[in-house]
N, C-alpha and C. Protein backbone atom coordinates (compact mmCIF):
# COMPACT_ATOMS: atom_id res chain seq x y z
N MET A 1 -19.82 -40.23 12.06
CA MET A 1 -19.63 -40.13 13.49
C MET A 1 -20.94 -40.58 14.14
N ASN A 2 -20.89 -41.56 15.01
CA ASN A 2 -22.12 -41.99 15.67
C ASN A 2 -22.41 -41.09 16.86
N GLN A 3 -23.59 -41.31 17.48
CA GLN A 3 -24.03 -40.45 18.57
C GLN A 3 -23.01 -40.41 19.71
N ALA A 4 -22.40 -41.55 20.03
CA ALA A 4 -21.44 -41.60 21.13
C ALA A 4 -20.17 -40.81 20.83
N GLN A 5 -19.84 -40.63 19.55
CA GLN A 5 -18.63 -39.91 19.17
C GLN A 5 -18.85 -38.41 19.05
N GLN A 6 -20.11 -37.96 19.01
CA GLN A 6 -20.39 -36.55 18.80
C GLN A 6 -20.07 -35.77 20.07
N PRO A 7 -19.22 -34.76 19.95
CA PRO A 7 -18.83 -34.00 21.13
C PRO A 7 -19.93 -33.03 21.56
N SER A 8 -19.95 -32.70 22.83
CA SER A 8 -20.80 -31.62 23.32
C SER A 8 -20.24 -30.31 22.80
N SER A 9 -20.96 -29.21 23.06
CA SER A 9 -20.42 -27.92 22.61
C SER A 9 -19.09 -27.63 23.29
N ALA A 10 -18.95 -28.01 24.57
CA ALA A 10 -17.66 -27.83 25.25
C ALA A 10 -16.60 -28.72 24.62
N GLY A 11 -16.98 -29.94 24.26
CA GLY A 11 -16.05 -30.84 23.60
C GLY A 11 -15.66 -30.33 22.22
N ALA A 12 -16.62 -29.72 21.53
CA ALA A 12 -16.33 -29.15 20.21
C ALA A 12 -15.35 -27.99 20.34
N THR A 13 -15.52 -27.20 21.39
CA THR A 13 -14.59 -26.10 21.64
C THR A 13 -13.19 -26.64 21.88
N ARG A 14 -13.10 -27.70 22.64
CA ARG A 14 -11.80 -28.34 22.90
C ARG A 14 -11.20 -28.88 21.61
N LEU A 15 -12.02 -29.53 20.78
CA LEU A 15 -11.53 -30.04 19.50
C LEU A 15 -11.01 -28.90 18.62
N ALA A 16 -11.76 -27.80 18.58
CA ALA A 16 -11.33 -26.66 17.78
C ALA A 16 -10.01 -26.09 18.30
N SER A 17 -9.87 -26.02 19.62
CA SER A 17 -8.62 -25.53 20.20
C SER A 17 -7.46 -26.47 19.89
N ASP A 18 -7.71 -27.77 20.01
CA ASP A 18 -6.67 -28.75 19.69
C ASP A 18 -6.25 -28.64 18.22
N LEU A 19 -7.24 -28.45 17.34
CA LEU A 19 -6.93 -28.30 15.91
C LEU A 19 -6.12 -27.04 15.67
N ALA A 20 -6.53 -25.94 16.29
CA ALA A 20 -5.79 -24.68 16.14
C ALA A 20 -4.36 -24.83 16.63
N ASP A 21 -4.19 -25.48 17.78
CA ASP A 21 -2.84 -25.72 18.30
C ASP A 21 -2.02 -26.52 17.31
N ALA A 22 -2.62 -27.59 16.76
CA ALA A 22 -1.90 -28.43 15.81
C ALA A 22 -1.48 -27.64 14.57
N PHE A 23 -2.37 -26.77 14.08
CA PHE A 23 -2.03 -25.94 12.92
C PHE A 23 -0.86 -25.00 13.25
N VAL A 24 -0.92 -24.35 14.40
CA VAL A 24 0.15 -23.42 14.78
C VAL A 24 1.47 -24.17 14.91
N LEU A 25 1.45 -25.32 15.58
CA LEU A 25 2.69 -26.09 15.76
C LEU A 25 3.23 -26.59 14.42
N PHE A 26 2.33 -27.01 13.53
CA PHE A 26 2.74 -27.46 12.19
C PHE A 26 3.41 -26.31 11.44
N HIS A 27 2.78 -25.14 11.46
CA HIS A 27 3.35 -24.00 10.73
C HIS A 27 4.61 -23.46 11.40
N GLU A 28 4.70 -23.59 12.70
CA GLU A 28 5.94 -23.22 13.39
C GLU A 28 7.06 -24.15 12.94
N ALA A 29 6.77 -25.45 12.83
CA ALA A 29 7.79 -26.41 12.38
C ALA A 29 8.24 -26.10 10.96
N ILE A 30 7.29 -25.75 10.09
CA ILE A 30 7.66 -25.37 8.72
C ILE A 30 8.50 -24.10 8.75
N GLY A 31 8.05 -23.12 9.53
CA GLY A 31 8.79 -21.86 9.63
C GLY A 31 10.21 -22.08 10.11
N VAL A 32 10.37 -22.86 11.17
CA VAL A 32 11.72 -23.13 11.70
C VAL A 32 12.57 -23.79 10.63
N ARG A 33 11.98 -24.74 9.91
CA ARG A 33 12.72 -25.43 8.85
C ARG A 33 13.19 -24.45 7.77
N ARG A 34 12.38 -23.40 7.53
CA ARG A 34 12.71 -22.41 6.51
C ARG A 34 13.44 -21.19 7.09
N GLY A 35 13.72 -21.22 8.39
CA GLY A 35 14.39 -20.08 9.02
C GLY A 35 13.46 -18.92 9.29
N LEU A 36 12.17 -19.19 9.47
CA LEU A 36 11.16 -18.16 9.69
C LEU A 36 10.36 -18.48 10.95
N SER A 37 9.66 -17.48 11.46
CA SER A 37 8.69 -17.74 12.52
C SER A 37 7.41 -18.26 11.85
N ALA A 38 6.51 -18.80 12.65
CA ALA A 38 5.22 -19.25 12.11
C ALA A 38 4.48 -18.08 11.46
N GLY A 39 4.52 -16.92 12.11
CA GLY A 39 3.84 -15.75 11.56
C GLY A 39 4.43 -15.31 10.23
N ASP A 40 5.77 -15.29 10.15
CA ASP A 40 6.42 -14.91 8.89
C ASP A 40 6.10 -15.93 7.81
N HIS A 41 6.08 -17.21 8.18
CA HIS A 41 5.75 -18.27 7.22
C HIS A 41 4.33 -18.09 6.69
N LYS A 42 3.38 -17.79 7.58
CA LYS A 42 1.99 -17.62 7.15
C LYS A 42 1.85 -16.37 6.29
N ALA A 43 2.55 -15.29 6.63
CA ALA A 43 2.50 -14.08 5.80
C ALA A 43 3.09 -14.37 4.42
N LEU A 44 4.15 -15.17 4.38
CA LEU A 44 4.71 -15.57 3.09
C LEU A 44 3.67 -16.33 2.28
N GLY A 45 2.88 -17.16 2.95
CA GLY A 45 1.80 -17.87 2.26
C GLY A 45 0.78 -16.92 1.65
N VAL A 46 0.48 -15.84 2.36
CA VAL A 46 -0.45 -14.84 1.82
C VAL A 46 0.13 -14.26 0.52
N ILE A 47 1.41 -13.95 0.55
CA ILE A 47 2.05 -13.39 -0.65
C ILE A 47 2.07 -14.43 -1.77
N GLU A 48 2.37 -15.68 -1.44
CA GLU A 48 2.41 -16.75 -2.45
C GLU A 48 1.05 -16.92 -3.11
N ARG A 49 -0.03 -16.88 -2.32
CA ARG A 49 -1.37 -17.12 -2.86
C ARG A 49 -1.96 -15.90 -3.55
N SER A 50 -1.59 -14.69 -3.09
CA SER A 50 -2.28 -13.48 -3.56
C SER A 50 -1.39 -12.46 -4.22
N GLY A 51 -0.09 -12.69 -4.22
CA GLY A 51 0.85 -11.68 -4.69
C GLY A 51 0.89 -11.58 -6.19
N PRO A 52 1.66 -10.62 -6.67
CA PRO A 52 2.39 -9.61 -5.91
C PRO A 52 1.43 -8.64 -5.21
N LEU A 53 1.86 -8.18 -4.04
CA LEU A 53 1.05 -7.29 -3.22
C LEU A 53 1.83 -6.05 -2.83
N ALA A 54 1.11 -4.93 -2.73
CA ALA A 54 1.71 -3.73 -2.12
C ALA A 54 1.79 -3.99 -0.62
N ALA A 55 2.71 -3.33 0.05
CA ALA A 55 2.85 -3.49 1.49
C ALA A 55 1.56 -3.15 2.21
N SER A 56 0.84 -2.13 1.74
CA SER A 56 -0.42 -1.75 2.38
C SER A 56 -1.45 -2.87 2.28
N GLU A 57 -1.49 -3.57 1.17
CA GLU A 57 -2.41 -4.69 1.00
C GLU A 57 -2.00 -5.86 1.89
N LEU A 58 -0.70 -6.10 2.01
CA LEU A 58 -0.23 -7.16 2.90
C LEU A 58 -0.60 -6.83 4.34
N ALA A 59 -0.47 -5.56 4.71
CA ALA A 59 -0.86 -5.14 6.07
C ALA A 59 -2.35 -5.37 6.28
N ARG A 60 -3.17 -5.03 5.30
CA ARG A 60 -4.61 -5.22 5.42
C ARG A 60 -4.95 -6.70 5.57
N ARG A 61 -4.32 -7.55 4.77
CA ARG A 61 -4.64 -8.98 4.80
C ARG A 61 -4.13 -9.68 6.05
N THR A 62 -3.06 -9.17 6.63
CA THR A 62 -2.48 -9.83 7.81
C THR A 62 -2.87 -9.16 9.12
N GLY A 63 -3.36 -7.93 9.05
CA GLY A 63 -3.67 -7.20 10.27
C GLY A 63 -2.46 -6.59 10.93
N LEU A 64 -1.32 -6.62 10.25
CA LEU A 64 -0.10 -6.04 10.80
C LEU A 64 -0.06 -4.53 10.53
N THR A 65 0.69 -3.82 11.36
CA THR A 65 0.89 -2.39 11.13
C THR A 65 1.87 -2.21 9.97
N ALA A 66 1.94 -0.99 9.47
CA ALA A 66 2.89 -0.69 8.38
C ALA A 66 4.32 -0.98 8.82
N GLY A 67 4.66 -0.60 10.04
CA GLY A 67 6.02 -0.86 10.54
C GLY A 67 6.31 -2.34 10.66
N ALA A 68 5.32 -3.12 11.12
CA ALA A 68 5.51 -4.56 11.25
C ALA A 68 5.67 -5.21 9.88
N VAL A 69 4.92 -4.70 8.89
CA VAL A 69 5.05 -5.25 7.52
C VAL A 69 6.43 -4.93 6.96
N THR A 70 6.94 -3.74 7.23
CA THR A 70 8.29 -3.40 6.77
C THR A 70 9.30 -4.38 7.33
N GLY A 71 9.24 -4.65 8.63
CA GLY A 71 10.15 -5.63 9.25
C GLY A 71 9.97 -7.02 8.67
N LEU A 72 8.72 -7.43 8.49
CA LEU A 72 8.41 -8.74 7.89
C LEU A 72 9.02 -8.85 6.50
N VAL A 73 8.76 -7.86 5.67
CA VAL A 73 9.27 -7.90 4.29
C VAL A 73 10.80 -7.89 4.29
N ASN A 74 11.40 -7.11 5.15
CA ASN A 74 12.87 -7.10 5.24
C ASN A 74 13.40 -8.49 5.58
N ARG A 75 12.76 -9.18 6.53
CA ARG A 75 13.19 -10.53 6.90
C ARG A 75 13.01 -11.50 5.74
N LEU A 76 11.89 -11.37 5.03
CA LEU A 76 11.64 -12.27 3.90
C LEU A 76 12.59 -11.99 2.73
N VAL A 77 12.92 -10.72 2.51
CA VAL A 77 13.90 -10.36 1.47
C VAL A 77 15.26 -10.91 1.87
N ASP A 78 15.66 -10.68 3.12
CA ASP A 78 16.96 -11.16 3.60
C ASP A 78 17.06 -12.68 3.50
N GLY A 79 15.96 -13.38 3.70
CA GLY A 79 15.95 -14.84 3.60
C GLY A 79 15.87 -15.35 2.17
N GLY A 80 15.66 -14.45 1.22
CA GLY A 80 15.58 -14.85 -0.18
C GLY A 80 14.20 -15.35 -0.60
N TYR A 81 13.16 -15.08 0.20
CA TYR A 81 11.82 -15.60 -0.09
C TYR A 81 10.98 -14.65 -0.93
N VAL A 82 11.25 -13.35 -0.83
CA VAL A 82 10.49 -12.37 -1.61
C VAL A 82 11.45 -11.32 -2.16
N ARG A 83 10.93 -10.55 -3.09
CA ARG A 83 11.68 -9.41 -3.63
C ARG A 83 10.71 -8.24 -3.75
N ARG A 84 11.28 -7.05 -3.72
CA ARG A 84 10.50 -5.84 -3.98
C ARG A 84 10.70 -5.50 -5.44
N GLU A 85 9.62 -5.13 -6.10
CA GLU A 85 9.72 -4.74 -7.51
C GLU A 85 8.77 -3.58 -7.78
N PRO A 86 9.12 -2.74 -8.75
CA PRO A 86 8.25 -1.60 -9.04
C PRO A 86 6.90 -2.07 -9.59
N CYS A 87 5.86 -1.36 -9.22
CA CYS A 87 4.53 -1.65 -9.75
C CYS A 87 4.51 -1.26 -11.22
N PRO A 88 4.07 -2.14 -12.12
CA PRO A 88 4.10 -1.81 -13.55
C PRO A 88 3.14 -0.69 -13.95
N THR A 89 2.12 -0.43 -13.12
CA THR A 89 1.15 0.61 -13.47
C THR A 89 1.33 1.91 -12.70
N ASP A 90 2.15 1.87 -11.65
CA ASP A 90 2.39 3.07 -10.83
C ASP A 90 3.81 3.00 -10.31
N GLY A 91 4.71 3.70 -10.96
CA GLY A 91 6.12 3.65 -10.62
C GLY A 91 6.46 4.10 -9.21
N ARG A 92 5.50 4.76 -8.52
CA ARG A 92 5.74 5.19 -7.14
C ARG A 92 5.53 4.06 -6.15
N ARG A 93 4.81 3.03 -6.57
CA ARG A 93 4.49 1.92 -5.66
C ARG A 93 5.47 0.78 -5.85
N VAL A 94 5.63 0.01 -4.78
CA VAL A 94 6.49 -1.17 -4.81
C VAL A 94 5.61 -2.37 -4.49
N LEU A 95 5.81 -3.44 -5.23
CA LEU A 95 5.07 -4.68 -4.98
C LEU A 95 6.01 -5.72 -4.39
N ILE A 96 5.45 -6.58 -3.58
CA ILE A 96 6.21 -7.66 -2.97
C ILE A 96 5.78 -8.94 -3.65
N SER A 97 6.76 -9.66 -4.20
CA SER A 97 6.45 -10.92 -4.87
C SER A 97 7.42 -11.99 -4.39
N THR A 98 7.01 -13.22 -4.54
CA THR A 98 7.84 -14.33 -4.06
C THR A 98 8.93 -14.65 -5.07
N THR A 99 9.98 -15.23 -4.54
CA THR A 99 11.04 -15.79 -5.37
C THR A 99 10.83 -17.30 -5.40
N GLU A 100 11.56 -17.99 -6.21
CA GLU A 100 11.45 -19.43 -6.24
C GLU A 100 12.14 -20.00 -5.01
N ALA A 101 11.37 -20.71 -4.20
CA ALA A 101 11.93 -21.25 -2.96
C ALA A 101 12.85 -22.42 -3.27
N PRO A 102 13.92 -22.55 -2.51
CA PRO A 102 14.79 -23.71 -2.70
C PRO A 102 14.03 -24.99 -2.35
N HIS A 103 14.31 -26.05 -3.07
CA HIS A 103 13.62 -27.33 -2.85
C HIS A 103 14.13 -27.97 -1.56
N ASP A 104 13.18 -28.33 -0.71
CA ASP A 104 13.48 -29.03 0.54
C ASP A 104 12.73 -30.36 0.47
N PRO A 105 13.43 -31.47 0.20
CA PRO A 105 12.74 -32.74 0.02
C PRO A 105 11.96 -33.21 1.25
N VAL A 106 12.45 -32.92 2.44
CA VAL A 106 11.73 -33.33 3.66
C VAL A 106 10.44 -32.55 3.79
N LEU A 107 10.51 -31.24 3.56
CA LEU A 107 9.31 -30.41 3.62
C LEU A 107 8.34 -30.80 2.51
N ALA A 108 8.83 -31.00 1.31
CA ALA A 108 7.97 -31.40 0.20
C ALA A 108 7.26 -32.71 0.50
N ASP A 109 7.98 -33.67 1.08
CA ASP A 109 7.37 -34.95 1.43
C ASP A 109 6.31 -34.78 2.52
N ALA A 110 6.59 -33.97 3.53
CA ALA A 110 5.63 -33.74 4.61
C ALA A 110 4.35 -33.11 4.07
N LEU A 111 4.48 -32.12 3.20
CA LEU A 111 3.31 -31.46 2.63
C LEU A 111 2.53 -32.39 1.71
N ALA A 112 3.23 -33.17 0.91
CA ALA A 112 2.55 -34.12 0.02
C ALA A 112 1.82 -35.20 0.82
N THR A 113 2.45 -35.67 1.89
CA THR A 113 1.81 -36.68 2.74
C THR A 113 0.56 -36.10 3.39
N LEU A 114 0.66 -34.90 3.93
CA LEU A 114 -0.49 -34.27 4.56
C LEU A 114 -1.62 -34.05 3.55
N GLU A 115 -1.27 -33.66 2.34
CA GLU A 115 -2.29 -33.45 1.30
C GLU A 115 -3.00 -34.77 0.97
N ARG A 116 -2.23 -35.86 0.83
CA ARG A 116 -2.84 -37.17 0.56
C ARG A 116 -3.75 -37.60 1.71
N GLU A 117 -3.27 -37.40 2.93
CA GLU A 117 -4.06 -37.80 4.10
C GLU A 117 -5.34 -36.98 4.20
N ALA A 118 -5.26 -35.69 3.93
CA ALA A 118 -6.45 -34.84 3.98
C ALA A 118 -7.45 -35.26 2.91
N SER A 119 -6.95 -35.54 1.70
CA SER A 119 -7.84 -35.99 0.62
C SER A 119 -8.51 -37.30 0.97
N SER A 120 -7.75 -38.22 1.53
CA SER A 120 -8.29 -39.52 1.92
C SER A 120 -9.36 -39.35 2.99
N LEU A 121 -9.11 -38.47 3.93
CA LEU A 121 -10.08 -38.22 5.00
C LEU A 121 -11.37 -37.65 4.42
N VAL A 122 -11.26 -36.66 3.56
CA VAL A 122 -12.43 -36.04 2.95
C VAL A 122 -13.19 -37.06 2.09
N ASP A 123 -12.46 -37.88 1.36
CA ASP A 123 -13.10 -38.90 0.52
C ASP A 123 -13.91 -39.91 1.34
N ALA A 124 -13.55 -40.09 2.61
CA ALA A 124 -14.27 -41.04 3.47
C ALA A 124 -15.61 -40.49 3.94
N PHE A 125 -15.84 -39.18 3.81
CA PHE A 125 -17.09 -38.57 4.24
C PHE A 125 -18.12 -38.63 3.13
N ASP A 126 -19.39 -38.74 3.52
CA ASP A 126 -20.44 -38.66 2.51
C ASP A 126 -20.69 -37.18 2.20
N GLU A 127 -21.55 -36.93 1.24
CA GLU A 127 -21.81 -35.57 0.77
C GLU A 127 -22.29 -34.65 1.90
N HIS A 128 -23.14 -35.13 2.77
CA HIS A 128 -23.67 -34.31 3.87
C HIS A 128 -22.59 -34.02 4.91
N GLN A 129 -21.76 -35.00 5.19
CA GLN A 129 -20.66 -34.78 6.14
C GLN A 129 -19.67 -33.77 5.59
N ARG A 130 -19.33 -33.89 4.29
CA ARG A 130 -18.42 -32.93 3.68
C ARG A 130 -19.00 -31.52 3.74
N ALA A 131 -20.29 -31.39 3.46
CA ALA A 131 -20.94 -30.08 3.50
C ALA A 131 -20.88 -29.50 4.91
N ALA A 132 -21.10 -30.35 5.92
CA ALA A 132 -21.05 -29.87 7.30
C ALA A 132 -19.64 -29.42 7.67
N VAL A 133 -18.65 -30.19 7.29
CA VAL A 133 -17.26 -29.83 7.60
C VAL A 133 -16.87 -28.54 6.89
N VAL A 134 -17.20 -28.44 5.61
CA VAL A 134 -16.88 -27.23 4.85
C VAL A 134 -17.60 -26.02 5.45
N GLY A 135 -18.85 -26.21 5.83
CA GLY A 135 -19.60 -25.11 6.45
C GLY A 135 -18.97 -24.66 7.74
N TRP A 136 -18.59 -25.61 8.59
CA TRP A 136 -17.97 -25.27 9.88
C TRP A 136 -16.66 -24.54 9.67
N ILE A 137 -15.82 -25.07 8.78
CA ILE A 137 -14.52 -24.44 8.53
C ILE A 137 -14.71 -23.03 7.97
N THR A 138 -15.65 -22.86 7.04
CA THR A 138 -15.90 -21.56 6.44
C THR A 138 -16.33 -20.54 7.48
N VAL A 139 -17.31 -20.91 8.30
CA VAL A 139 -17.81 -19.99 9.32
C VAL A 139 -16.73 -19.70 10.37
N MET A 140 -16.02 -20.71 10.83
CA MET A 140 -14.98 -20.50 11.83
C MET A 140 -13.86 -19.62 11.28
N THR A 141 -13.51 -19.80 10.01
CA THR A 141 -12.48 -18.96 9.40
C THR A 141 -12.93 -17.50 9.40
N GLU A 142 -14.18 -17.26 9.00
CA GLU A 142 -14.70 -15.89 9.01
C GLU A 142 -14.69 -15.31 10.42
N ARG A 143 -15.09 -16.11 11.40
CA ARG A 143 -15.14 -15.63 12.79
C ARG A 143 -13.74 -15.38 13.35
N LEU A 144 -12.79 -16.23 12.99
CA LEU A 144 -11.41 -16.01 13.43
C LEU A 144 -10.86 -14.71 12.84
N HIS A 145 -11.11 -14.47 11.56
CA HIS A 145 -10.67 -13.22 10.93
C HIS A 145 -11.32 -12.02 11.62
N ALA A 146 -12.60 -12.12 11.91
CA ALA A 146 -13.30 -11.01 12.57
C ALA A 146 -12.71 -10.73 13.94
N GLN A 147 -12.43 -11.76 14.70
CA GLN A 147 -11.86 -11.55 16.04
C GLN A 147 -10.42 -11.03 15.95
N ALA A 148 -9.68 -11.49 14.96
CA ALA A 148 -8.31 -10.98 14.78
C ALA A 148 -8.36 -9.48 14.46
N ARG A 149 -9.30 -9.07 13.60
CA ARG A 149 -9.44 -7.64 13.29
C ARG A 149 -9.83 -6.87 14.55
N ARG A 150 -10.74 -7.43 15.33
CA ARG A 150 -11.18 -6.77 16.57
C ARG A 150 -10.00 -6.61 17.54
N LEU A 151 -9.20 -7.64 17.69
CA LEU A 151 -8.07 -7.58 18.61
C LEU A 151 -6.97 -6.63 18.12
N ALA A 152 -6.88 -6.46 16.82
CA ALA A 152 -5.83 -5.60 16.25
C ALA A 152 -6.14 -4.12 16.40
N ARG A 153 -7.36 -3.76 16.75
CA ARG A 153 -7.73 -2.34 16.89
C ARG A 153 -7.01 -1.70 18.04
């Protein structure tokens, strides 16, 4: 990025907002395609990446209340995306794990295309640019989580 392309701090804030909007709209489109809201879709992603999880752990990771997690899990069970199963080490606990999602060729193509495009974009950056982007994303992710926790109080 040359000097003329570098945004001011206000411009950077606008870029970050535009990126956040694009992510939300992208995940809303995926959610709608799967019969879920964007929030339910993202919570399903938490379970896919970190599961099986107890409901209390899902609540901690998402910032949702216990009641909201119950409703979320019920919707995901009803949609066939997750199942409840007994914890193998504590029969009193229930774990939430994903089921095998039905194949959606349009969704699979969209995700594969986005992955290729993201890789191509990253490959175009030099080592210092990649480090700056990774640093920014890492710090912003931490700050977004912190503010989400603050707002959830």
